Protein backbone atom coordinates (compact mmCIF):
# COMPACT_ATOMS: atom_id res chain seq x y z
CA MET A 1 55.38 -80.90 39.03
CA ASN A 2 55.54 -79.71 35.06
CA TYR A 3 57.94 -77.69 34.18
CA ARG A 4 59.25 -76.03 30.52
CA LEU A 5 62.74 -75.25 29.92
CA SER A 6 63.84 -73.33 26.59
CA GLY A 7 67.01 -71.92 25.16
CA THR A 8 67.83 -70.02 22.01
CA ARG A 9 70.79 -68.91 20.09
CA MET A 10 70.70 -65.93 17.92
CA ASP A 11 73.62 -64.55 15.47
CA TYR A 12 72.94 -61.46 13.34
CA LYS A 13 75.43 -59.72 10.94
CA SER A 14 74.69 -56.92 10.10
CA THR A 15 74.73 -54.62 6.70
CA SER A 16 77.01 -52.15 7.89
CA PRO A 17 80.76 -53.51 7.94
CA GLY A 18 81.83 -55.30 11.23
CA SER A 19 78.46 -55.11 12.73
CA LYS A 20 76.92 -58.16 14.57
CA GLN A 21 75.21 -59.46 17.64
CA SER A 22 74.66 -62.73 19.54
CA ARG A 23 71.55 -63.40 21.74
CA ASN A 24 71.16 -66.20 24.20
CA THR A 25 67.95 -66.64 25.63
CA PHE A 26 66.92 -69.38 28.27
CA ASN A 27 62.84 -69.49 29.99
CA LEU A 28 61.90 -71.74 32.52
CA ASN A 29 57.92 -72.25 33.55
CA SER A 30 57.33 -74.67 36.35
CA THR A 31 53.88 -75.44 38.37
CA VAL A 32 54.47 -76.98 41.64
CA LYS A 33 51.25 -78.51 43.42
CA MET A 34 51.76 -77.07 46.81
CA HIS A 35 47.70 -78.47 47.78
CA GLU A 36 44.46 -79.47 46.47
CA LYS A 37 43.59 -75.69 46.10
CA LEU A 38 47.43 -74.20 45.97
CA SER A 39 49.90 -74.33 43.38
CA LEU A 40 52.87 -72.45 43.00
CA ASP A 41 53.84 -70.87 39.04
CA LEU A 42 57.78 -69.98 38.78
CA VAL A 43 58.61 -68.08 35.34
CA ALA A 44 62.11 -66.98 34.69
CA ASN A 45 63.62 -65.73 31.66
CA TYR A 46 67.05 -65.00 30.92
CA THR A 47 68.75 -62.71 28.10
CA ASN A 48 72.23 -61.96 27.41
CA THR A 49 72.92 -60.00 24.39
CA GLU A 50 76.30 -58.85 22.95
CA THR A 51 76.96 -56.58 20.21
CA HIS A 52 79.50 -55.46 18.34
CA ASN A 53 79.97 -51.95 16.15
CA ARG A 54 76.39 -50.92 16.76
CA SER A 55 75.71 -48.00 15.32
CA GLN A 56 75.97 -44.92 18.41
CA LEU A 57 72.32 -43.26 18.47
CA LEU A 58 71.28 -46.93 18.46
CA GLY A 59 73.65 -48.35 21.29
CA GLN A 60 72.34 -44.91 23.64
CA VAL A 61 68.69 -46.62 23.13
CA LEU A 62 69.35 -50.33 24.00
CA GLY A 63 71.27 -51.95 26.31
CA SER A 64 73.64 -54.86 26.32
CA LEU A 65 72.24 -56.88 29.00
CA GLU A 66 69.03 -57.84 30.18
CA VAL A 67 67.87 -60.22 32.99
CA SER A 68 64.34 -60.39 34.18
CA LEU A 69 63.09 -62.71 36.94
CA VAL A 70 59.10 -63.08 37.35
CA VAL A 71 57.41 -65.33 40.40
CA GLN A 72 53.64 -65.61 40.50
CA LYS A 73 51.78 -67.22 43.09
CA THR A 74 48.14 -68.49 42.11
CA CYS A 75 45.44 -69.86 44.67
CA LEU A 76 42.44 -71.46 43.67
CA PHE A 77 39.16 -71.69 46.19
């Protein structure tokens, strides 16, 4: 079994008065060998974004919470 776990924290302060953003991102990549010719890959990403005083137009385009989960299975013959 192989795995990699990572995390990132980003803090951003805009030039506009009172505008700021913080983002936490976590990633997990894992590979499990199920059999000699079969392995299972798991990839999970989690992103949490918090924005304060975002401009109205940009706020309509972008969301404030993003979560994604991807599972991939590989079989080699």
